[in-house]
Amino acid sequence: MYPFNASPGARPTISTFGSDPASSDFDSRDGQFIVAFDTAPIVPSGQGEENYTITSAVLTVEFANDRIAVYDPTPDSWRSFRPPTDPAFVADTDPGQPIELFGCGFRNSFSALNFVENSPYSTPPNPLASGVRNAFALSFDSSGAPIDVSNNPRLSFDALQFATGQISELAPGDLIPLRSKMTFSVSVAQPKIQAYLRQGLNRGRVFFVVSSLTLVQQQGGNFPSFYARENPLIAVGQARPASLALTVQTGPSCAAADLNCDGTVNGTDLTILLANWGLNGNGDVNGDGSVNGSDLTVVLSAWTN
């Protein structure tokens, strides 16, 4: 999903990249990777949003370029994308830019129910301007309202990520090898993200947007690229398309500290929490973006068995 994509829905690889944040010609998050899953065949839809509890959600994508993108597993401030002459500029202290996961929002009469792979980038009269794409990287502002984060560096705010991409085999600063698998462990304990996933499961379609602010030059640059399901290598088993692993309970919601939703808070929940220590996945009971001592206190306080 970017302004000059001549083959929407049929590309063998998909790239993510940014544009000059000082310019308003294009979105700062210029190249966005939209991935959607029809979940109804596995998780029955139409149960009512309140009757889904997602205890884990992990998206996996596979790299289609070799040692081009730099691995950065930590978020970067919007300030690091401002020009060095800008008073708000703060230099990035580590190499590379993270690859981030968000929800997907829609405009111009599009929605998760009618947006398809080859739907148009935007709607006239401004088909290539900033802030006009029909489907965009979505998160939530400080009040919990949905917001388009395609231009967060230009608009001076840090976007609430659903997850930051991780590759366990690499160290920060490494070049990412071909066919590396990057995982995004979604912050399912964050209330608005949990609600977003519940809404998707209830309608039977869950959308995500993979995004990076990796700066590029026109028709070039060291930006990440991923296999799309149309890639011929996937048909012969030499590459994998995006995949989503979900752990979902249907029926009345379980307590926040009951991480596996088995009706008790016990050693199993503690094991899950410790396995995700320092990450933003299952175990982030208070939804602050990290599994830490605050979450441990909540789990121990709710101990039932």
Protein backbone atom coordinates (compact mmCIF):
# COMPACT_ATOMS: atom_id res chain seq x y z
CA MET A 1 0.00 0.00 0.00
CA TYR A 2 1.90 3.02 -1.32
CA PRO A 3 1.12 5.77 -3.83
CA PHE A 4 2.94 4.35 -6.87
CA ASN A 5 2.02 0.66 -6.55
CA ALA A 6 0.95 -0.34 -10.06
CA SER A 7 0.03 -3.92 -9.12
CA PRO A 8 -1.98 -3.94 -5.89
CA GLY A 9 -2.76 -7.40 -4.58
CA ALA A 10 -0.42 -9.16 -7.00
CA ARG A 11 3.14 -8.28 -5.94
CA PRO A 12 5.54 -11.16 -5.20
CA THR A 13 7.27 -9.14 -2.47
CA ILE A 14 6.12 -6.25 -0.30
CA SER A 15 8.34 -3.50 1.08
CA THR A 16 7.98 -1.12 4.00
CA PHE A 17 9.67 2.27 4.03
CA GLY A 18 9.31 5.89 5.03
CA SER A 19 9.56 9.22 3.24
CA ASP A 20 11.18 12.51 4.13
CA PRO A 21 9.39 13.56 7.35
CA ALA A 22 10.07 17.20 6.54
CA SER A 23 7.99 16.91 3.38
CA SER A 24 4.21 16.79 3.26
CA ASP A 25 4.06 15.32 -0.26
CA PHE A 26 3.65 11.74 1.00
CA ASP A 27 2.92 9.97 4.26
CA SER A 28 5.91 9.59 6.59
CA ARG A 29 5.06 5.86 6.68
CA ASP A 30 4.99 5.72 2.91
CA GLY A 31 5.18 1.99 2.10
CA GLN A 32 2.83 -0.03 4.31
CA PHE A 33 2.26 -3.80 4.25
CA ILE A 34 -1.39 -4.71 4.84
CA VAL A 35 -2.04 -8.30 5.86
CA ALA A 36 -5.49 -9.70 6.61
CA PHE A 37 -6.80 -13.07 7.75
CA ASP A 38 -10.21 -14.65 7.33
CA THR A 39 -10.53 -16.12 10.81
CA ALA A 40 -14.10 -17.48 10.73
CA PRO A 41 -13.10 -20.99 9.56
CA ILE A 42 -11.00 -21.40 12.73
CA VAL A 43 -12.59 -19.05 15.28
CA PRO A 44 -16.37 -18.86 14.85
CA SER A 45 -17.48 -15.31 14.08
CA GLY A 46 -20.60 -13.49 15.26
CA GLN A 47 -20.34 -14.51 18.93
CA GLY A 48 -20.43 -10.90 20.16
CA GLU A 49 -17.23 -8.93 20.73
CA GLU A 50 -17.45 -9.35 24.49
CA ASN A 51 -17.29 -13.13 24.09
CA TYR A 52 -13.75 -13.29 22.71
CA THR A 53 -10.66 -13.17 24.89
CA ILE A 54 -7.36 -13.16 23.02
CA THR A 55 -4.53 -14.34 25.26
CA SER A 56 -1.86 -14.29 22.55
CA ALA A 57 -1.54 -13.15 18.95
CA VAL A 58 1.71 -13.56 17.03
CA LEU A 59 2.17 -12.45 13.43
CA THR A 60 5.14 -13.89 11.51
CA VAL A 61 6.57 -12.53 8.25
CA GLU A 62 9.55 -13.72 6.20
CA PHE A 63 12.23 -11.52 4.65
CA ALA A 64 12.59 -11.55 0.89
CA ASN A 65 15.85 -9.57 0.66
CA ASP A 66 19.28 -10.54 1.94
CA ARG A 67 21.27 -8.43 4.39
CA ILE A 68 19.76 -5.16 3.23
CA ALA A 69 17.73 -4.06 6.26
CA VAL A 70 19.33 -3.42 9.66
CA TYR A 71 17.76 -5.17 12.64
CA ASP A 72 16.45 -2.76 15.29
CA PRO A 73 14.18 -4.48 17.86
CA THR A 74 13.42 -1.33 19.89
CA PRO A 75 11.06 1.61 19.24
CA ASP A 76 12.47 4.91 17.99
CA SER A 77 11.15 8.31 19.04
CA TRP A 78 9.45 10.50 16.47
CA ARG A 79 12.14 13.06 17.29
CA SER A 80 14.83 10.95 15.63
CA PHE A 81 13.04 11.32 12.28
CA ARG A 82 13.04 15.12 12.32
CA PRO A 83 15.76 17.02 10.39
CA PRO A 84 18.91 17.61 12.51
CA THR A 85 18.27 21.35 12.26
CA ASP A 86 14.86 20.97 13.92
CA PRO A 87 14.91 21.99 17.62
CA ALA A 88 12.89 18.84 18.42
CA PHE A 89 15.48 16.53 16.83
CA VAL A 90 17.05 13.88 19.06
CA ALA A 91 19.55 11.51 17.44
CA ASP A 92 18.76 7.79 17.31
CA THR A 93 21.26 6.00 19.54
CA ASP A 94 21.12 2.63 17.79
CA PRO A 95 21.46 1.57 14.13
CA GLY A 96 18.48 0.94 11.90
CA GLN A 97 14.78 1.59 12.35
CA PRO A 98 12.31 -0.84 13.92
CA ILE A 99 9.63 -2.66 11.96
CA GLU A 100 6.35 -2.08 13.74
CA LEU A 101 2.88 -3.58 13.77
CA PHE A 102 -0.38 -1.65 13.94
CA GLY A 103 -4.03 -2.21 13.30
CA CYS A 104 -5.63 -1.15 10.03
CA GLY A 105 -8.03 1.76 9.66
CA PHE A 106 -10.13 2.78 6.67
CA ARG A 107 -11.61 5.90 5.08
CA ASN A 108 -13.63 6.91 2.03
CA SER A 109 -16.42 4.35 2.61
CA PHE A 110 -13.99 1.42 2.89
CA SER A 111 -14.05 -0.96 5.84
CA ALA A 112 -12.66 -4.32 6.91
CA LEU A 113 -15.69 -5.92 5.28
CA ASN A 114 -15.29 -4.45 1.77
CA PHE A 115 -11.57 -3.69 1.42
CA VAL A 116 -9.87 -6.31 -0.77
CA GLU A 117 -6.36 -6.92 -2.04
CA ASN A 118 -6.66 -4.76 -5.15
CA SER A 119 -8.74 -1.94 -3.65
CA PRO A 120 -7.38 1.47 -4.71
CA TYR A 121 -4.76 3.34 -2.73
CA SER A 122 -6.91 6.46 -2.46
CA THR A 123 -9.95 8.22 -3.83
CA PRO A 124 -9.92 11.33 -6.09
CA PRO A 125 -9.42 14.28 -6.17
CA ASN A 126 -6.04 13.91 -4.38
CA PRO A 127 -4.89 10.38 -5.19
CA LEU A 128 -1.24 10.84 -4.18
CA ALA A 129 -1.38 13.37 -1.35
CA SER A 130 -0.50 12.79 2.30
CA GLY A 131 -3.20 11.44 4.60
CA VAL A 132 -5.52 10.15 1.88
CA ARG A 133 -4.86 6.40 1.66
CA ASN A 134 -7.99 4.28 1.91
CA ALA A 135 -6.36 1.82 4.34
CA PHE A 136 -3.78 2.99 6.85
CA ALA A 137 -1.73 2.08 9.91
CA LEU A 138 -4.06 2.55 12.88
CA SER A 139 -3.47 2.91 16.60
CA PHE A 140 -5.04 4.85 19.48
CA ASP A 141 -4.32 8.25 20.99
CA SER A 142 -3.96 9.02 24.71
CA SER A 143 -7.74 9.18 25.09
CA GLY A 144 -8.20 5.78 23.43
CA ALA A 145 -9.63 7.16 20.18
CA PRO A 146 -8.51 5.50 16.91
CA ILE A 147 -5.91 7.49 14.99
CA ASP A 148 -4.04 7.27 11.69
CA VAL A 149 -0.34 6.98 12.59
CA SER A 150 0.97 7.29 9.02
CA ASN A 151 2.42 10.71 9.83
CA ASN A 152 3.31 10.48 13.52
CA PRO A 153 6.86 11.97 13.09
CA ARG A 154 5.46 14.97 11.24
CA LEU A 155 2.66 15.38 13.79
CA SER A 156 5.05 15.02 16.76
CA PHE A 157 3.74 12.01 18.64
CA ASP A 158 4.95 8.50 19.42
CA ALA A 159 2.52 5.92 18.07
CA LEU A 160 1.24 3.15 20.32
CA GLN A 161 2.53 0.02 18.61
CA PHE A 162 0.69 -3.26 18.56
CA ALA A 163 4.16 -4.88 18.55
CA THR A 164 7.77 -4.36 17.47
CA GLY A 165 9.32 -6.97 15.17
CA GLN A 166 11.73 -9.45 16.77
CA ILE A 167 14.24 -11.94 15.34
CA SER A 168 15.64 -14.06 18.16
CA GLU A 169 18.71 -15.22 16.19
CA LEU A 170 20.02 -11.71 15.53
CA ALA A 171 21.65 -8.99 17.61
CA PRO A 172 20.65 -5.34 17.26
CA GLY A 173 22.52 -3.78 14.35
CA ASP A 174 22.88 -7.03 12.39
CA LEU A 175 21.92 -7.10 8.73
CA ILE A 176 18.82 -9.29 8.29
CA PRO A 177 19.48 -12.42 6.17
CA LEU A 178 17.18 -13.71 3.47
CA ARG A 179 14.28 -15.84 4.77
CA SER A 180 14.67 -14.58 8.33
CA LYS A 181 11.40 -14.88 10.19
CA MET A 182 10.31 -11.80 12.14
CA THR A 183 7.64 -12.19 14.80
CA PHE A 184 5.29 -9.61 16.26
CA SER A 185 3.86 -10.56 19.66
CA VAL A 186 0.79 -8.36 19.89
CA SER A 187 0.17 -6.47 23.15
CA VAL A 188 -3.12 -8.23 23.77
CA ALA A 189 -3.32 -6.93 27.37
CA GLN A 190 -3.62 -3.33 26.12
CA PRO A 191 -7.40 -2.75 26.37
CA LYS A 192 -7.82 -0.96 23.03
CA ILE A 193 -5.74 -3.54 21.18
CA GLN A 194 -7.72 -6.35 22.81
CA ALA A 195 -10.93 -4.62 21.73
CA TYR A 196 -9.60 -4.23 18.18
CA LEU A 197 -8.86 -7.96 17.95
CA ARG A 198 -12.24 -8.87 19.43
CA GLN A 199 -13.96 -6.75 16.82
CA GLY A 200 -12.01 -8.47 14.05
CA LEU A 201 -12.76 -11.99 15.30
CA ASN A 202 -16.44 -11.14 15.69
CA ARG A 203 -16.67 -10.12 12.03
CA GLY A 204 -14.34 -12.92 10.88
CA ARG A 205 -11.59 -10.71 9.39
CA VAL A 206 -8.51 -9.47 11.24
CA PHE A 207 -6.31 -6.82 9.61
CA PHE A 208 -2.80 -5.66 10.51
CA VAL A 209 -0.36 -3.18 9.01
CA VAL A 210 3.40 -3.79 9.07
CA SER A 211 5.24 -0.49 8.87
CA SER A 212 8.73 0.96 9.11
CA LEU A 213 10.09 4.48 8.85
CA THR A 214 13.27 3.29 7.12
CA LEU A 215 14.36 6.25 5.03
CA VAL A 216 14.87 5.62 1.32
CA GLN A 217 15.84 7.46 -1.82
CA GLN A 218 13.58 7.52 -4.86
CA GLN A 219 13.63 4.00 -6.32
CA GLY A 220 16.31 2.83 -3.89
CA GLY A 221 17.50 2.40 -0.33
CA ASN A 222 18.15 -0.24 2.30
CA PHE A 223 14.57 -1.05 3.24
CA PRO A 224 13.02 -4.38 4.28
CA SER A 225 11.07 -6.55 1.88
CA PHE A 226 8.78 -9.50 2.67
CA TYR A 227 7.33 -12.43 0.76
CA ALA A 228 3.74 -12.01 -0.39
CA ARG A 229 1.52 -15.06 -0.77
CA GLU A 230 1.58 -14.60 -4.58
CA ASN A 231 5.35 -15.26 -4.68
CA PRO A 232 6.17 -18.35 -6.81
CA LEU A 233 8.62 -19.56 -4.14
CA ILE A 234 5.72 -20.09 -1.76
CA ALA A 235 4.00 -22.51 -4.16
CA VAL A 236 7.09 -24.76 -4.15
CA GLY A 237 7.71 -24.53 -0.41
CA GLN A 238 10.82 -22.35 -0.62
CA ALA A 239 9.29 -19.40 1.24
CA ARG A 240 6.41 -18.72 3.60
CA PRO A 241 3.69 -16.06 3.49
CA ALA A 242 2.59 -14.10 6.55
CA SER A 243 0.97 -16.25 9.24
CA LEU A 244 -1.00 -15.55 12.41
CA ALA A 245 -1.06 -17.69 15.55
CA LEU A 246 -3.91 -16.94 17.97
CA THR A 247 -4.88 -18.22 21.38
CA VAL A 248 -8.52 -17.35 21.91
CA GLN A 249 -11.19 -18.17 24.46
CA THR A 250 -14.80 -17.80 23.40
CA GLY A 251 -17.41 -17.10 26.02
CA PRO A 252 -17.29 -14.78 29.03
CA SER A 253 -13.96 -12.99 29.52
CA CYS A 254 -11.42 -14.24 32.04
CA ALA A 255 -9.56 -12.17 34.62
CA ALA A 256 -6.62 -10.11 33.34
CA ALA A 257 -4.11 -12.03 35.48
CA ASP A 258 -5.44 -15.40 34.25
CA LEU A 259 -3.07 -15.44 31.29
CA ASN A 260 -4.15 -18.82 29.91
CA CYS A 261 -7.84 -18.32 30.74
CA ASP A 262 -8.21 -21.60 32.63
CA GLY A 263 -10.18 -20.02 35.47
CA THR A 264 -7.33 -19.83 37.99
CA VAL A 265 -4.26 -17.68 38.51
CA ASN A 266 -1.44 -20.07 39.32
CA GLY A 267 2.00 -21.30 38.37
CA THR A 268 1.08 -21.72 34.73
CA ASP A 269 0.26 -18.01 34.47
CA LEU A 270 3.48 -17.14 36.29
CA THR A 271 5.43 -19.25 33.78
CA ILE A 272 3.82 -17.41 30.87
CA LEU A 273 4.63 -14.06 32.45
CA LEU A 274 8.27 -14.93 33.10
CA ALA A 275 8.72 -16.32 29.58
CA ASN A 276 7.69 -12.92 28.19
CA TRP A 277 9.64 -10.81 30.72
CA GLY A 278 10.77 -7.52 29.17
CA LEU A 279 8.65 -8.02 26.05
CA ASN A 280 5.25 -6.63 25.11
CA GLY A 281 3.38 -9.90 24.70
CA ASN A 282 1.18 -12.07 26.91
CA GLY A 283 1.86 -11.18 30.53
CA ASP A 284 1.58 -7.41 30.10
CA VAL A 285 -1.36 -7.38 32.49
CA ASN A 286 -1.53 -3.62 32.93
CA GLY A 287 -1.08 -2.83 29.23
CA ASP A 288 1.93 -0.53 29.62
CA GLY A 289 3.83 -2.18 26.76
CA SER A 290 6.24 -4.29 28.81
CA VAL A 291 6.07 -7.40 30.99
CA ASN A 292 7.74 -6.34 34.22
CA GLY A 293 7.49 -6.18 38.00
CA SER A 294 4.19 -4.31 37.94
CA ASP A 295 2.57 -7.20 36.08
CA LEU A 296 4.15 -9.73 38.44
CA THR A 297 2.58 -7.88 41.38
CA VAL A 298 -0.87 -8.08 39.75
CA VAL A 299 -0.54 -11.80 39.07
CA LEU A 300 0.66 -12.60 42.60
CA SER A 301 -2.11 -10.47 44.11
CA ALA A 302 -4.71 -12.42 42.12
CA TRP A 303 -3.25 -15.85 42.96
CA THR A 304 -6.02 -18.41 43.39
CA ASN A 305 -4.32 -21.80 43.29
